[in-house]
mmCIF file of all heavy atoms, coordinates in Angstrom:
data_MODEL
# 
_entry.id   MODEL 
# 
loop_
_atom_site.group_PDB 
_atom_site.id 
_atom_site.type_symbol 
_atom_site.label_atom_id 
_atom_site.label_alt_id 
_atom_site.label_comp_id 
_atom_site.label_asym_id 
_atom_site.label_entity_id 
_atom_site.label_seq_id 
_atom_site.pdbx_PDB_ins_code 
_atom_site.Cartn_x 
_atom_site.Cartn_y 
_atom_site.Cartn_z 
_atom_site.occupancy 
_atom_site.B_iso_or_equiv 
_atom_site.pdbx_formal_charge 
_atom_site.auth_seq_id 
_atom_site.auth_comp_id 
_atom_site.auth_asym_id 
_atom_site.auth_atom_id 
_atom_site.pdbx_PDB_model_num 
ATOM 1   N N   . ILE A 1 1  ? -16.076 -16.181 2.272   1.00 0.00 ? 1  ILE A N   1 
ATOM 2   C CA  . ILE A 1 1  ? -15.431 -14.845 2.590   1.00 0.00 ? 1  ILE A CA  1 
ATOM 3   C C   . ILE A 1 1  ? -14.917 -14.720 3.968   1.00 0.00 ? 1  ILE A C   1 
ATOM 4   O O   . ILE A 1 1  ? -15.486 -15.263 4.936   1.00 0.00 ? 1  ILE A O   1 
ATOM 5   C CB  . ILE A 1 1  ? -16.668 -13.889 2.331   1.00 0.00 ? 1  ILE A CB  1 
ATOM 6   C CG1 . ILE A 1 1  ? -17.224 -13.943 0.893   1.00 0.00 ? 1  ILE A CG1 1 
ATOM 7   C CG2 . ILE A 1 1  ? -16.207 -12.399 2.604   1.00 0.00 ? 1  ILE A CG2 1 
ATOM 8   C CD1 . ILE A 1 1  ? -18.344 -13.110 0.698   1.00 0.00 ? 1  ILE A CD1 1 
ATOM 9   N N   . SER A 1 2  ? -13.718 -14.152 4.064   1.00 0.00 ? 2  SER A N   1 
ATOM 10  C CA  . SER A 1 2  ? -13.126 -13.862 5.442   1.00 0.00 ? 2  SER A CA  1 
ATOM 11  C C   . SER A 1 2  ? -12.505 -12.422 5.636   1.00 0.00 ? 2  SER A C   1 
ATOM 12  O O   . SER A 1 2  ? -12.599 -11.727 4.668   1.00 0.00 ? 2  SER A O   1 
ATOM 13  C CB  . SER A 1 2  ? -12.131 -14.884 5.659   1.00 0.00 ? 2  SER A CB  1 
ATOM 14  O OG  . SER A 1 2  ? -11.003 -14.854 4.709   1.00 0.00 ? 2  SER A OG  1 
ATOM 15  N N   . LYS A 1 3  ? -11.991 -12.214 6.703   1.00 0.00 ? 3  LYS A N   1 
ATOM 16  C CA  . LYS A 1 3  ? -11.332 -10.893 7.005   1.00 0.00 ? 3  LYS A CA  1 
ATOM 17  C C   . LYS A 1 3  ? -9.928  -10.924 6.377   1.00 0.00 ? 3  LYS A C   1 
ATOM 18  O O   . LYS A 1 3  ? -9.379  -9.845  6.193   1.00 0.00 ? 3  LYS A O   1 
ATOM 19  C CB  . LYS A 1 3  ? -11.315 -10.501 8.381   1.00 0.00 ? 3  LYS A CB  1 
ATOM 20  C CG  . LYS A 1 3  ? -12.700 -10.357 9.039   1.00 0.00 ? 3  LYS A CG  1 
ATOM 21  C CD  . LYS A 1 3  ? -12.596 -9.887  10.396  1.00 0.00 ? 3  LYS A CD  1 
ATOM 22  C CE  . LYS A 1 3  ? -14.023 -9.569  10.972  1.00 0.00 ? 3  LYS A CE  1 
ATOM 23  N NZ  . LYS A 1 3  ? -13.965 -9.226  12.459  1.00 0.00 ? 3  LYS A NZ  1 
ATOM 24  N N   . ASP A 1 4  ? -9.334  -12.036 6.144   1.00 0.00 ? 4  ASP A N   1 
ATOM 25  C CA  . ASP A 1 4  ? -8.030  -12.194 5.622   1.00 0.00 ? 4  ASP A CA  1 
ATOM 26  C C   . ASP A 1 4  ? -8.102  -13.138 4.433   1.00 0.00 ? 4  ASP A C   1 
ATOM 27  O O   . ASP A 1 4  ? -9.068  -13.389 3.906   1.00 0.00 ? 4  ASP A O   1 
ATOM 28  C CB  . ASP A 1 4  ? -6.936  -12.417 6.620   1.00 0.00 ? 4  ASP A CB  1 
ATOM 29  C CG  . ASP A 1 4  ? -7.319  -13.696 7.499   1.00 0.00 ? 4  ASP A CG  1 
ATOM 30  O OD1 . ASP A 1 4  ? -8.264  -14.468 6.935   1.00 0.00 ? 4  ASP A OD1 1 
ATOM 31  O OD2 . ASP A 1 4  ? -6.740  -14.003 8.416   1.00 0.00 ? 4  ASP A OD2 1 
ATOM 32  N N   . GLY A 1 5  ? -6.888  -13.752 4.050   1.00 0.00 ? 5  GLY A N   1 
ATOM 33  C CA  . GLY A 1 5  ? -6.911  -14.612 2.982   1.00 0.00 ? 5  GLY A CA  1 
ATOM 34  C C   . GLY A 1 5  ? -6.471  -13.869 1.636   1.00 0.00 ? 5  GLY A C   1 
ATOM 35  O O   . GLY A 1 5  ? -5.923  -12.798 1.615   1.00 0.00 ? 5  GLY A O   1 
ATOM 36  N N   . VAL A 1 6  ? -6.833  -14.428 0.453   1.00 0.00 ? 6  VAL A N   1 
ATOM 37  C CA  . VAL A 1 6  ? -6.489  -13.872 -0.801  1.00 0.00 ? 6  VAL A CA  1 
ATOM 38  C C   . VAL A 1 6  ? -7.409  -12.730 -1.126  1.00 0.00 ? 6  VAL A C   1 
ATOM 39  O O   . VAL A 1 6  ? -8.692  -12.866 -0.963  1.00 0.00 ? 6  VAL A O   1 
ATOM 40  C CB  . VAL A 1 6  ? -6.707  -15.005 -1.935  1.00 0.00 ? 6  VAL A CB  1 
ATOM 41  C CG1 . VAL A 1 6  ? -6.301  -14.375 -3.248  1.00 0.00 ? 6  VAL A CG1 1 
ATOM 42  C CG2 . VAL A 1 6  ? -5.729  -16.021 -1.641  1.00 0.00 ? 6  VAL A CG2 1 
ATOM 43  N N   . ALA A 1 7  ? -6.755  -11.485 -1.422  1.00 0.00 ? 7  ALA A N   1 
ATOM 44  C CA  . ALA A 1 7  ? -7.816  -10.473 -1.785  1.00 0.00 ? 7  ALA A CA  1 
ATOM 45  C C   . ALA A 1 7  ? -8.328  -10.555 -3.158  1.00 0.00 ? 7  ALA A C   1 
ATOM 46  O O   . ALA A 1 7  ? -7.681  -11.076 -4.019  1.00 0.00 ? 7  ALA A O   1 
ATOM 47  C CB  . ALA A 1 7  ? -6.851  -9.190  -1.654  1.00 0.00 ? 7  ALA A CB  1 
ATOM 48  N N   . VAL A 1 8  ? -9.576  -10.120 -3.308  1.00 0.00 ? 8  VAL A N   1 
ATOM 49  C CA  . VAL A 1 8  ? -10.266 -10.110 -4.522  1.00 0.00 ? 8  VAL A CA  1 
ATOM 50  C C   . VAL A 1 8  ? -10.560 -8.873  -5.148  1.00 0.00 ? 8  VAL A C   1 
ATOM 51  O O   . VAL A 1 8  ? -11.105 -7.946  -4.376  1.00 0.00 ? 8  VAL A O   1 
ATOM 52  C CB  . VAL A 1 8  ? -11.628 -10.943 -4.249  1.00 0.00 ? 8  VAL A CB  1 
ATOM 53  C CG1 . VAL A 1 8  ? -12.355 -11.139 -5.757  1.00 0.00 ? 8  VAL A CG1 1 
ATOM 54  C CG2 . VAL A 1 8  ? -11.529 -12.323 -3.636  1.00 0.00 ? 8  VAL A CG2 1 
ATOM 55  N N   . LEU A 1 9  ? -10.183 -8.638  -6.312  1.00 0.00 ? 9  LEU A N   1 
ATOM 56  C CA  . LEU A 1 9  ? -10.453 -7.282  -7.044  1.00 0.00 ? 9  LEU A CA  1 
ATOM 57  C C   . LEU A 1 9  ? -11.790 -7.505  -7.777  1.00 0.00 ? 9  LEU A C   1 
ATOM 58  O O   . LEU A 1 9  ? -12.138 -8.569  -8.352  1.00 0.00 ? 9  LEU A O   1 
ATOM 59  C CB  . LEU A 1 9  ? -9.358  -6.970  -8.079  1.00 0.00 ? 9  LEU A CB  1 
ATOM 60  C CG  . LEU A 1 9  ? -8.029  -6.786  -7.456  1.00 0.00 ? 9  LEU A CG  1 
ATOM 61  C CD1 . LEU A 1 9  ? -7.098  -6.410  -8.531  1.00 0.00 ? 9  LEU A CD1 1 
ATOM 62  C CD2 . LEU A 1 9  ? -7.988  -5.736  -6.360  1.00 0.00 ? 9  LEU A CD2 1 
ATOM 63  N N   . THR A 1 10 ? -12.578 -6.486  -7.622  1.00 0.00 ? 10 THR A N   1 
ATOM 64  C CA  . THR A 1 10 ? -13.876 -6.592  -8.368  1.00 0.00 ? 10 THR A CA  1 
ATOM 65  C C   . THR A 1 10 ? -14.080 -5.358  -9.297  1.00 0.00 ? 10 THR A C   1 
ATOM 66  O O   . THR A 1 10 ? -13.049 -4.649  -9.576  1.00 0.00 ? 10 THR A O   1 
ATOM 67  C CB  . THR A 1 10 ? -15.102 -6.338  -7.296  1.00 0.00 ? 10 THR A CB  1 
ATOM 68  O OG1 . THR A 1 10 ? -15.026 -5.273  -6.545  1.00 0.00 ? 10 THR A OG1 1 
ATOM 69  C CG2 . THR A 1 10 ? -15.148 -7.578  -6.303  1.00 0.00 ? 10 THR A CG2 1 
ATOM 70  N N   . ILE A 1 11 ? -15.210 -5.332  -10.184 1.00 0.00 ? 11 ILE A N   1 
ATOM 71  C CA  . ILE A 1 11 ? -15.168 -4.266  -11.138 1.00 0.00 ? 11 ILE A CA  1 
ATOM 72  C C   . ILE A 1 11 ? -14.757 -2.810  -10.764 1.00 0.00 ? 11 ILE A C   1 
ATOM 73  O O   . ILE A 1 11 ? -14.019 -2.179  -11.419 1.00 0.00 ? 11 ILE A O   1 
ATOM 74  C CB  . ILE A 1 11 ? -16.630 -4.256  -11.720 1.00 0.00 ? 11 ILE A CB  1 
ATOM 75  C CG1 . ILE A 1 11 ? -16.770 -5.547  -12.620 1.00 0.00 ? 11 ILE A CG1 1 
ATOM 76  C CG2 . ILE A 1 11 ? -16.836 -3.061  -12.593 1.00 0.00 ? 11 ILE A CG2 1 
ATOM 77  C CD1 . ILE A 1 11 ? -18.192 -5.534  -13.284 1.00 0.00 ? 11 ILE A CD1 1 
ATOM 78  N N   . PRO A 1 12 ? -15.196 -2.284  -9.579  1.00 0.00 ? 12 PRO A N   1 
ATOM 79  C CA  . PRO A 1 12 ? -14.866 -0.953  -9.187  1.00 0.00 ? 12 PRO A CA  1 
ATOM 80  C C   . PRO A 1 12 ? -13.379 -0.767  -8.954  1.00 0.00 ? 12 PRO A C   1 
ATOM 81  O O   . PRO A 1 12 ? -12.796 0.277   -9.094  1.00 0.00 ? 12 PRO A O   1 
ATOM 82  C CB  . PRO A 1 12 ? -15.604 -0.855  -7.847  1.00 0.00 ? 12 PRO A CB  1 
ATOM 83  C CG  . PRO A 1 12 ? -16.689 -1.772  -7.902  1.00 0.00 ? 12 PRO A CG  1 
ATOM 84  C CD  . PRO A 1 12 ? -16.257 -2.951  -8.603  1.00 0.00 ? 12 PRO A CD  1 
ATOM 85  N N   . ASN A 1 13 ? -12.648 -1.926  -8.760  1.00 0.00 ? 13 ASN A N   1 
ATOM 86  C CA  . ASN A 1 13 ? -11.205 -1.733  -8.633  1.00 0.00 ? 13 ASN A CA  1 
ATOM 87  C C   . ASN A 1 13 ? -10.504 -1.541  -9.814  1.00 0.00 ? 13 ASN A C   1 
ATOM 88  O O   . ASN A 1 13 ? -9.328  -1.205  -10.019 1.00 0.00 ? 13 ASN A O   1 
ATOM 89  C CB  . ASN A 1 13 ? -10.567 -2.990  -7.970  1.00 0.00 ? 13 ASN A CB  1 
ATOM 90  C CG  . ASN A 1 13 ? -11.090 -3.358  -6.542  1.00 0.00 ? 13 ASN A CG  1 
ATOM 91  O OD1 . ASN A 1 13 ? -11.894 -4.143  -6.291  1.00 0.00 ? 13 ASN A OD1 1 
ATOM 92  N ND2 . ASN A 1 13 ? -10.536 -2.551  -5.646  1.00 0.00 ? 13 ASN A ND2 1 
ATOM 93  N N   . ILE A 1 14 ? -11.246 -1.886  -11.029 1.00 0.00 ? 14 ILE A N   1 
ATOM 94  C CA  . ILE A 1 14 ? -10.605 -1.846  -12.343 1.00 0.00 ? 14 ILE A CA  1 
ATOM 95  C C   . ILE A 1 14 ? -10.924 -0.350  -12.999 1.00 0.00 ? 14 ILE A C   1 
ATOM 96  O O   . ILE A 1 14 ? -12.143 -0.389  -13.579 1.00 0.00 ? 14 ILE A O   1 
ATOM 97  C CB  . ILE A 1 14 ? -10.789 -2.924  -13.261 1.00 0.00 ? 14 ILE A CB  1 
ATOM 98  C CG1 . ILE A 1 14 ? -10.554 -4.292  -12.498 1.00 0.00 ? 14 ILE A CG1 1 
ATOM 99  C CG2 . ILE A 1 14 ? -10.144 -2.962  -14.457 1.00 0.00 ? 14 ILE A CG2 1 
ATOM 100 C CD1 . ILE A 1 14 ? -9.177  -4.336  -11.937 1.00 0.00 ? 14 ILE A CD1 1 
ATOM 101 N N   . GLN A 1 15 ? -10.170 0.508   -12.865 1.00 0.00 ? 15 GLN A N   1 
ATOM 102 C CA  . GLN A 1 15 ? -10.435 1.885   -13.545 1.00 0.00 ? 15 GLN A CA  1 
ATOM 103 C C   . GLN A 1 15 ? -9.675  1.854   -14.815 1.00 0.00 ? 15 GLN A C   1 
ATOM 104 O O   . GLN A 1 15 ? -8.706  1.162   -14.966 1.00 0.00 ? 15 GLN A O   1 
ATOM 105 C CB  . GLN A 1 15 ? -10.075 2.964   -12.630 1.00 0.00 ? 15 GLN A CB  1 
ATOM 106 C CG  . GLN A 1 15 ? -10.980 2.977   -11.419 1.00 0.00 ? 15 GLN A CG  1 
ATOM 107 C CD  . GLN A 1 15 ? -10.226 3.665   -10.186 1.00 0.00 ? 15 GLN A CD  1 
ATOM 108 O OE1 . GLN A 1 15 ? -9.323  4.385   -10.364 1.00 0.00 ? 15 GLN A OE1 1 
ATOM 109 N NE2 . GLN A 1 15 ? -10.713 3.408   -9.054  1.00 0.00 ? 15 GLN A NE2 1 
ATOM 110 N N   . ASP A 1 16 ? -10.027 2.690   -15.790 1.00 0.00 ? 16 ASP A N   1 
ATOM 111 C CA  . ASP A 1 16 ? -9.483  2.569   -17.054 1.00 0.00 ? 16 ASP A CA  1 
ATOM 112 C C   . ASP A 1 16 ? -7.932  2.963   -17.043 1.00 0.00 ? 16 ASP A C   1 
ATOM 113 O O   . ASP A 1 16 ? -7.506  4.069   -16.752 1.00 0.00 ? 16 ASP A O   1 
ATOM 114 C CB  . ASP A 1 16 ? -10.068 3.410   -18.010 1.00 0.00 ? 16 ASP A CB  1 
ATOM 115 C CG  . ASP A 1 16 ? -9.790  3.307   -19.498 1.00 0.00 ? 16 ASP A CG  1 
ATOM 116 O OD1 . ASP A 1 16 ? -9.393  2.152   -19.748 1.00 0.00 ? 16 ASP A OD1 1 
ATOM 117 O OD2 . ASP A 1 16 ? -9.869  4.139   -20.384 1.00 0.00 ? 16 ASP A OD2 1 
ATOM 118 N N   . GLY A 1 17 ? -7.048  1.940   -17.078 1.00 0.00 ? 17 GLY A N   1 
ATOM 119 C CA  . GLY A 1 17 ? -5.620  2.229   -17.012 1.00 0.00 ? 17 GLY A CA  1 
ATOM 120 C C   . GLY A 1 17 ? -4.968  2.093   -15.681 1.00 0.00 ? 17 GLY A C   1 
ATOM 121 O O   . GLY A 1 17 ? -3.758  2.301   -15.577 1.00 0.00 ? 17 GLY A O   1 
ATOM 122 N N   . ARG A 1 18 ? -5.817  1.898   -14.656 1.00 0.00 ? 18 ARG A N   1 
ATOM 123 C CA  . ARG A 1 18 ? -5.226  2.052   -13.275 1.00 0.00 ? 18 ARG A CA  1 
ATOM 124 C C   . ARG A 1 18 ? -6.128  0.957   -12.355 1.00 0.00 ? 18 ARG A C   1 
ATOM 125 O O   . ARG A 1 18 ? -7.255  0.719   -12.510 1.00 0.00 ? 18 ARG A O   1 
ATOM 126 C CB  . ARG A 1 18 ? -5.413  3.364   -12.693 1.00 0.00 ? 18 ARG A CB  1 
ATOM 127 C CG  . ARG A 1 18 ? -4.698  3.538   -11.290 1.00 0.00 ? 18 ARG A CG  1 
ATOM 128 C CD  . ARG A 1 18 ? -4.682  4.937   -10.905 1.00 0.00 ? 18 ARG A CD  1 
ATOM 129 N NE  . ARG A 1 18 ? -6.156  5.386   -10.505 1.00 0.00 ? 18 ARG A NE  1 
ATOM 130 C CZ  . ARG A 1 18 ? -6.472  5.229   -9.258  1.00 0.00 ? 18 ARG A CZ  1 
ATOM 131 N NH1 . ARG A 1 18 ? -5.921  4.532   -8.290  1.00 0.00 ? 18 ARG A NH1 1 
ATOM 132 N NH2 . ARG A 1 18 ? -7.794  5.606   -8.944  1.00 0.00 ? 18 ARG A NH2 1 
ATOM 133 N N   . ILE A 1 19 ? -5.411  0.270   -11.528 1.00 0.00 ? 19 ILE A N   1 
ATOM 134 C CA  . ILE A 1 19 ? -5.968  -0.629  -10.516 1.00 0.00 ? 19 ILE A CA  1 
ATOM 135 C C   . ILE A 1 19 ? -5.936  -0.068  -9.145  1.00 0.00 ? 19 ILE A C   1 
ATOM 136 O O   . ILE A 1 19 ? -4.855  0.376   -8.564  1.00 0.00 ? 19 ILE A O   1 
ATOM 137 C CB  . ILE A 1 19 ? -5.203  -1.985  -10.562 1.00 0.00 ? 19 ILE A CB  1 
ATOM 138 C CG1 . ILE A 1 19 ? -5.340  -2.543  -11.967 1.00 0.00 ? 19 ILE A CG1 1 
ATOM 139 C CG2 . ILE A 1 19 ? -5.754  -2.956  -9.557  1.00 0.00 ? 19 ILE A CG2 1 
ATOM 140 C CD1 . ILE A 1 19 ? -4.555  -3.927  -12.051 1.00 0.00 ? 19 ILE A CD1 1 
ATOM 141 N N   . ASN A 1 20 ? -7.001  -0.009  -8.444  1.00 0.00 ? 20 ASN A N   1 
ATOM 142 C CA  . ASN A 1 20 ? -7.107  0.233   -7.103  1.00 0.00 ? 20 ASN A CA  1 
ATOM 143 C C   . ASN A 1 20 ? -7.040  -1.019  -6.230  1.00 0.00 ? 20 ASN A C   1 
ATOM 144 O O   . ASN A 1 20 ? -8.060  -1.818  -6.328  1.00 0.00 ? 20 ASN A O   1 
ATOM 145 C CB  . ASN A 1 20 ? -8.531  1.093   -6.731  1.00 0.00 ? 20 ASN A CB  1 
ATOM 146 C CG  . ASN A 1 20 ? -8.603  1.338   -5.323  1.00 0.00 ? 20 ASN A CG  1 
ATOM 147 O OD1 . ASN A 1 20 ? -7.672  1.142   -4.544  1.00 0.00 ? 20 ASN A OD1 1 
ATOM 148 N ND2 . ASN A 1 20 ? -9.705  1.978   -4.928  1.00 0.00 ? 20 ASN A ND2 1 
ATOM 149 N N   . TYR A 1 21 ? -6.005  -1.228  -5.495  1.00 0.00 ? 21 TYR A N   1 
ATOM 150 C CA  . TYR A 1 21 ? -5.702  -2.497  -4.957  1.00 0.00 ? 21 TYR A CA  1 
ATOM 151 C C   . TYR A 1 21 ? -6.391  -2.557  -3.422  1.00 0.00 ? 21 TYR A C   1 
ATOM 152 O O   . TYR A 1 21 ? -6.356  -3.719  -2.733  1.00 0.00 ? 21 TYR A O   1 
ATOM 153 C CB  . TYR A 1 21 ? -4.306  -2.840  -4.661  1.00 0.00 ? 21 TYR A CB  1 
ATOM 154 C CG  . TYR A 1 21 ? -3.649  -3.103  -6.000  1.00 0.00 ? 21 TYR A CG  1 
ATOM 155 C CD1 . TYR A 1 21 ? -2.974  -2.083  -6.694  1.00 0.00 ? 21 TYR A CD1 1 
ATOM 156 C CD2 . TYR A 1 21 ? -3.592  -4.428  -6.528  1.00 0.00 ? 21 TYR A CD2 1 
ATOM 157 C CE1 . TYR A 1 21 ? -2.324  -2.340  -7.883  1.00 0.00 ? 21 TYR A CE1 1 
ATOM 158 C CE2 . TYR A 1 21 ? -3.016  -4.591  -7.872  1.00 0.00 ? 21 TYR A CE2 1 
ATOM 159 C CZ  . TYR A 1 21 ? -2.324  -3.563  -8.386  1.00 0.00 ? 21 TYR A CZ  1 
ATOM 160 O OH  . TYR A 1 21 ? -1.759  -3.792  -9.672  1.00 0.00 ? 21 TYR A OH  1 
ATOM 161 N N   . LEU A 1 22 ? -7.165  -1.568  -3.059  1.00 0.00 ? 22 LEU A N   1 
ATOM 162 C CA  . LEU A 1 22 ? -7.785  -1.656  -1.799  1.00 0.00 ? 22 LEU A CA  1 
ATOM 163 C C   . LEU A 1 22 ? -9.257  -2.427  -1.876  1.00 0.00 ? 22 LEU A C   1 
ATOM 164 O O   . LEU A 1 22 ? -10.033 -2.000  -2.923  1.00 0.00 ? 22 LEU A O   1 
ATOM 165 C CB  . LEU A 1 22 ? -8.203  -0.255  -1.352  1.00 0.00 ? 22 LEU A CB  1 
ATOM 166 C CG  . LEU A 1 22 ? -6.840  0.536   -0.950  1.00 0.00 ? 22 LEU A CG  1 
ATOM 167 C CD1 . LEU A 1 22 ? -7.360  2.113   -0.478  1.00 0.00 ? 22 LEU A CD1 1 
ATOM 168 C CD2 . LEU A 1 22 ? -6.089  0.028   0.198   1.00 0.00 ? 22 LEU A CD2 1 
ATOM 169 N N   . THR A 1 23 ? -9.382  -3.430  -1.178  1.00 0.00 ? 23 THR A N   1 
ATOM 170 C CA  . THR A 1 23 ? -10.631 -4.256  -1.303  1.00 0.00 ? 23 THR A CA  1 
ATOM 171 C C   . THR A 1 23 ? -11.025 -4.868  0.086   1.00 0.00 ? 23 THR A C   1 
ATOM 172 O O   . THR A 1 23 ? -10.125 -5.090  0.856   1.00 0.00 ? 23 THR A O   1 
ATOM 173 C CB  . THR A 1 23 ? -10.409 -5.444  -2.340  1.00 0.00 ? 23 THR A CB  1 
ATOM 174 O OG1 . THR A 1 23 ? -11.677 -6.243  -2.229  1.00 0.00 ? 23 THR A OG1 1 
ATOM 175 C CG2 . THR A 1 23 ? -9.255  -6.295  -1.883  1.00 0.00 ? 23 THR A CG2 1 
ATOM 176 N N   . ASP A 1 24 ? -12.276 -4.914  0.308   1.00 0.00 ? 24 ASP A N   1 
ATOM 177 C CA  . ASP A 1 24 ? -12.833 -5.456  1.495   1.00 0.00 ? 24 ASP A CA  1 
ATOM 178 C C   . ASP A 1 24 ? -13.039 -6.997  1.285   1.00 0.00 ? 24 ASP A C   1 
ATOM 179 O O   . ASP A 1 24 ? -13.651 -7.602  2.346   1.00 0.00 ? 24 ASP A O   1 
ATOM 180 C CB  . ASP A 1 24 ? -14.056 -4.782  1.812   1.00 0.00 ? 24 ASP A CB  1 
ATOM 181 C CG  . ASP A 1 24 ? -13.764 -3.320  2.363   1.00 0.00 ? 24 ASP A CG  1 
ATOM 182 O OD1 . ASP A 1 24 ? -12.660 -3.119  2.819   1.00 0.00 ? 24 ASP A OD1 1 
ATOM 183 O OD2 . ASP A 1 24 ? -14.728 -2.440  2.106   1.00 0.00 ? 24 ASP A OD2 1 
# 
């Protein structure tokens, strides 16, 4: 895990019909 690199989407990012691309 790092501050940069490839962003990872998790379950809370996947809303029904919409993706929230903000991730830590």
